N, C-alpha and C. Protein backbone atom coordinates (compact mmCIF):
# COMPACT_ATOMS: atom_id res chain seq x y z
N MET A 1 1.70 -5.36 -14.17
CA MET A 1 2.97 -5.95 -14.47
C MET A 1 3.56 -6.47 -13.17
N LEU A 2 4.14 -7.62 -13.23
CA LEU A 2 4.78 -8.24 -12.08
C LEU A 2 6.28 -8.36 -12.38
N LEU A 3 7.09 -7.85 -11.48
CA LEU A 3 8.55 -7.94 -11.61
C LEU A 3 9.12 -8.64 -10.41
N THR A 4 10.19 -9.35 -10.62
CA THR A 4 10.91 -10.00 -9.53
C THR A 4 12.30 -9.38 -9.46
N LEU A 5 12.64 -8.89 -8.27
CA LEU A 5 13.97 -8.32 -8.05
C LEU A 5 14.70 -9.13 -7.00
N GLN A 6 15.97 -9.37 -7.24
CA GLN A 6 16.76 -10.11 -6.27
C GLN A 6 17.81 -9.24 -5.59
N THR A 7 18.03 -8.04 -6.11
CA THR A 7 19.00 -7.13 -5.51
C THR A 7 18.43 -5.72 -5.47
N ASP A 8 18.96 -4.91 -4.60
CA ASP A 8 18.66 -3.48 -4.55
C ASP A 8 19.93 -2.73 -4.90
N ASP A 9 19.91 -2.05 -6.04
CA ASP A 9 21.06 -1.26 -6.45
C ASP A 9 20.58 -0.09 -7.30
N THR A 10 21.49 0.63 -7.90
CA THR A 10 21.12 1.80 -8.70
C THR A 10 20.30 1.43 -9.93
N LEU A 11 20.46 0.21 -10.43
CA LEU A 11 19.69 -0.22 -11.59
C LEU A 11 18.24 -0.56 -11.22
N THR A 12 18.00 -1.02 -9.99
CA THR A 12 16.64 -1.37 -9.59
C THR A 12 15.92 -0.21 -8.91
N ALA A 13 16.60 0.85 -8.57
CA ALA A 13 15.98 2.00 -7.90
C ALA A 13 14.80 2.57 -8.69
N PRO A 14 14.89 2.75 -10.01
CA PRO A 14 13.74 3.28 -10.76
C PRO A 14 12.49 2.38 -10.66
N VAL A 15 12.70 1.07 -10.55
CA VAL A 15 11.57 0.15 -10.41
C VAL A 15 10.86 0.41 -9.09
N HIS A 16 11.63 0.57 -8.02
CA HIS A 16 11.05 0.86 -6.70
C HIS A 16 10.30 2.19 -6.73
N ASP A 17 10.80 3.15 -7.49
CA ASP A 17 10.17 4.48 -7.54
C ASP A 17 8.79 4.45 -8.19
N ILE A 18 8.58 3.55 -9.16
CA ILE A 18 7.29 3.54 -9.87
C ILE A 18 6.36 2.42 -9.40
N ALA A 19 6.85 1.50 -8.61
CA ALA A 19 6.01 0.38 -8.14
C ALA A 19 4.94 0.90 -7.19
N ASP A 20 3.71 0.45 -7.39
CA ASP A 20 2.64 0.87 -6.49
C ASP A 20 2.45 -0.11 -5.33
N GLN A 21 3.10 -1.27 -5.41
CA GLN A 21 3.00 -2.24 -4.34
C GLN A 21 4.24 -3.13 -4.36
N THR A 22 4.75 -3.45 -3.19
CA THR A 22 5.91 -4.32 -3.07
C THR A 22 5.59 -5.45 -2.11
N ILE A 23 5.91 -6.66 -2.51
CA ILE A 23 5.74 -7.83 -1.64
C ILE A 23 7.11 -8.46 -1.47
N GLN A 24 7.53 -8.61 -0.23
CA GLN A 24 8.81 -9.22 0.09
C GLN A 24 8.62 -10.73 0.24
N CYS A 25 9.60 -11.51 -0.18
CA CYS A 25 9.57 -12.96 -0.03
C CYS A 25 10.82 -13.37 0.75
N GLU A 26 10.60 -14.18 1.77
CA GLU A 26 11.70 -14.66 2.61
C GLU A 26 11.53 -16.17 2.78
N GLN A 27 12.59 -16.93 2.58
CA GLN A 27 12.52 -18.37 2.76
C GLN A 27 12.65 -18.68 4.25
N THR A 28 11.68 -19.43 4.81
CA THR A 28 11.71 -19.84 6.21
C THR A 28 11.81 -21.36 6.28
N GLU A 29 11.96 -21.90 7.47
CA GLU A 29 12.04 -23.35 7.60
C GLU A 29 10.71 -24.03 7.25
N PHE A 30 9.60 -23.27 7.24
CA PHE A 30 8.29 -23.83 6.91
C PHE A 30 7.89 -23.58 5.46
N GLY A 31 8.66 -22.79 4.74
CA GLY A 31 8.36 -22.46 3.35
C GLY A 31 8.49 -20.97 3.12
N PRO A 32 8.16 -20.51 1.93
CA PRO A 32 8.29 -19.08 1.65
C PRO A 32 7.30 -18.24 2.45
N ARG A 33 7.75 -17.09 2.93
CA ARG A 33 6.90 -16.15 3.65
C ARG A 33 6.79 -14.89 2.80
N PHE A 34 5.55 -14.51 2.48
CA PHE A 34 5.30 -13.31 1.70
C PHE A 34 4.72 -12.24 2.61
N ALA A 35 5.18 -11.00 2.45
CA ALA A 35 4.68 -9.91 3.28
C ALA A 35 4.65 -8.62 2.47
N GLY A 36 3.55 -7.91 2.60
CA GLY A 36 3.37 -6.62 1.95
C GLY A 36 2.41 -5.79 2.75
N GLU A 37 2.03 -4.64 2.23
CA GLU A 37 1.11 -3.77 2.95
C GLU A 37 -0.26 -4.41 3.14
N GLU A 38 -0.71 -5.20 2.18
CA GLU A 38 -2.05 -5.77 2.23
C GLU A 38 -2.07 -7.29 2.35
N CYS A 39 -0.91 -7.92 2.49
CA CYS A 39 -0.89 -9.37 2.58
C CYS A 39 0.27 -9.84 3.45
N GLU A 40 0.12 -11.06 3.94
CA GLU A 40 1.16 -11.67 4.77
C GLU A 40 0.87 -13.16 4.87
N THR A 41 1.89 -13.99 4.81
CA THR A 41 1.71 -15.42 4.97
C THR A 41 1.41 -15.70 6.44
N LEU A 42 0.27 -16.34 6.69
CA LEU A 42 -0.15 -16.64 8.05
C LEU A 42 -0.20 -18.13 8.34
N VAL A 43 -0.24 -18.94 7.28
CA VAL A 43 -0.38 -20.39 7.43
C VAL A 43 0.60 -21.06 6.48
N TYR A 44 1.30 -22.07 6.99
CA TYR A 44 2.26 -22.84 6.19
C TYR A 44 1.80 -24.29 6.15
N PRO A 45 1.54 -24.86 4.96
CA PRO A 45 1.15 -26.27 4.89
C PRO A 45 2.32 -27.18 5.26
N LEU A 46 2.00 -28.26 5.99
CA LEU A 46 3.00 -29.24 6.37
C LEU A 46 2.81 -30.51 5.53
N GLU A 47 3.79 -31.38 5.55
CA GLU A 47 3.77 -32.59 4.72
C GLU A 47 2.63 -33.53 5.06
N ASN A 48 2.20 -33.56 6.33
CA ASN A 48 1.20 -34.53 6.77
C ASN A 48 -0.24 -34.03 6.64
N GLY A 49 -0.45 -32.92 5.92
CA GLY A 49 -1.79 -32.39 5.73
C GLY A 49 -2.21 -31.37 6.78
N LEU A 50 -1.41 -31.22 7.82
CA LEU A 50 -1.68 -30.21 8.84
C LEU A 50 -1.08 -28.89 8.40
N VAL A 51 -1.28 -27.84 9.18
CA VAL A 51 -0.70 -26.55 8.87
C VAL A 51 -0.01 -25.97 10.09
N GLN A 52 1.03 -25.19 9.85
CA GLN A 52 1.73 -24.43 10.89
C GLN A 52 1.18 -23.01 10.81
N THR A 53 0.67 -22.49 11.92
CA THR A 53 0.11 -21.14 11.92
C THR A 53 1.05 -20.18 12.63
N THR A 54 0.76 -18.88 12.49
CA THR A 54 1.57 -17.85 13.12
C THR A 54 0.76 -17.13 14.19
N LEU A 55 1.43 -16.38 15.04
CA LEU A 55 0.72 -15.58 16.04
C LEU A 55 -0.16 -14.52 15.37
N ALA A 56 0.30 -13.96 14.26
CA ALA A 56 -0.51 -12.98 13.53
C ALA A 56 -1.81 -13.61 13.04
N TYR A 57 -1.77 -14.87 12.66
CA TYR A 57 -2.98 -15.58 12.23
C TYR A 57 -3.99 -15.62 13.37
N TRP A 58 -3.54 -16.02 14.55
CA TRP A 58 -4.45 -16.14 15.69
C TRP A 58 -4.93 -14.77 16.17
N ASN A 59 -4.11 -13.75 16.01
CA ASN A 59 -4.55 -12.40 16.35
C ASN A 59 -5.71 -11.98 15.45
N ARG A 60 -5.64 -12.32 14.16
CA ARG A 60 -6.74 -11.99 13.24
C ARG A 60 -7.99 -12.79 13.57
N ILE A 61 -7.82 -14.07 13.92
CA ILE A 61 -8.98 -14.88 14.30
C ILE A 61 -9.65 -14.27 15.52
N LEU A 62 -8.87 -13.92 16.53
CA LEU A 62 -9.41 -13.32 17.74
C LEU A 62 -10.10 -11.99 17.43
N ALA A 63 -9.50 -11.18 16.58
CA ALA A 63 -10.08 -9.88 16.23
C ALA A 63 -11.43 -10.04 15.53
N ASN A 64 -11.56 -11.08 14.71
CA ASN A 64 -12.83 -11.31 14.00
C ASN A 64 -13.89 -11.92 14.90
N ARG A 65 -13.49 -12.78 15.82
CA ARG A 65 -14.48 -13.46 16.66
C ARG A 65 -14.80 -12.70 17.94
N HIS A 66 -13.81 -12.00 18.48
CA HIS A 66 -13.99 -11.28 19.74
C HIS A 66 -13.29 -9.92 19.66
N PRO A 67 -13.84 -8.98 18.87
CA PRO A 67 -13.17 -7.70 18.65
C PRO A 67 -12.83 -6.95 19.93
N ALA A 68 -13.65 -7.08 20.96
CA ALA A 68 -13.39 -6.35 22.21
C ALA A 68 -12.12 -6.84 22.90
N MET A 69 -11.72 -8.07 22.64
CA MET A 69 -10.53 -8.63 23.29
C MET A 69 -9.23 -8.13 22.67
N VAL A 70 -9.27 -7.64 21.47
CA VAL A 70 -8.05 -7.23 20.78
C VAL A 70 -7.39 -6.07 21.49
N ASP A 71 -8.17 -5.10 21.93
CA ASP A 71 -7.62 -3.93 22.60
C ASP A 71 -7.64 -4.05 24.11
N ALA A 72 -8.16 -5.14 24.64
CA ALA A 72 -8.26 -5.31 26.09
C ALA A 72 -6.88 -5.54 26.69
N ASP A 73 -6.69 -5.04 27.88
CA ASP A 73 -5.44 -5.25 28.61
C ASP A 73 -5.65 -6.40 29.58
N VAL A 74 -5.42 -7.64 29.10
CA VAL A 74 -5.67 -8.84 29.89
C VAL A 74 -4.35 -9.46 30.29
N SER A 75 -4.21 -9.75 31.57
CA SER A 75 -3.00 -10.38 32.07
C SER A 75 -2.89 -11.80 31.53
N PRO A 76 -1.72 -12.23 31.04
CA PRO A 76 -1.58 -13.59 30.51
C PRO A 76 -1.74 -14.67 31.56
N GLU A 77 -1.62 -14.32 32.85
CA GLU A 77 -1.76 -15.33 33.91
C GLU A 77 -3.22 -15.69 34.18
N VAL A 78 -4.14 -14.87 33.71
CA VAL A 78 -5.56 -15.11 33.98
C VAL A 78 -6.15 -15.92 32.84
N SER A 79 -6.76 -17.07 33.19
CA SER A 79 -7.37 -17.89 32.16
C SER A 79 -8.78 -17.38 31.87
N ALA A 80 -9.49 -18.04 30.95
CA ALA A 80 -10.82 -17.62 30.54
C ALA A 80 -11.82 -17.65 31.69
N ASN A 81 -11.61 -18.54 32.68
CA ASN A 81 -12.56 -18.61 33.79
C ASN A 81 -12.15 -17.75 34.97
N GLY A 82 -11.07 -16.99 34.83
CA GLY A 82 -10.65 -16.08 35.88
C GLY A 82 -9.68 -16.68 36.88
N ALA A 83 -9.37 -17.97 36.75
CA ALA A 83 -8.44 -18.61 37.68
C ALA A 83 -7.01 -18.30 37.28
N TYR A 84 -6.12 -18.40 38.23
CA TYR A 84 -4.70 -18.18 37.96
C TYR A 84 -4.00 -19.47 37.68
């Protein structure tokens, strides 16, 4: 069952108590942003066919392509070739 709630009050409290998953929706300048325990909006389509991405999106890309880099303590001043 899917329910949509627009307010939190004593009438909606029982719904929160029995829901096994909650997804929040927030309107942003790029479009709606959905966030929950297992999902999150990472890409927003733009009018010209391009997309606006988020830092969380690139963190996931990096984690999948270079898992060792995710936990590495790398200074932001150091580029990939070691130059400053």
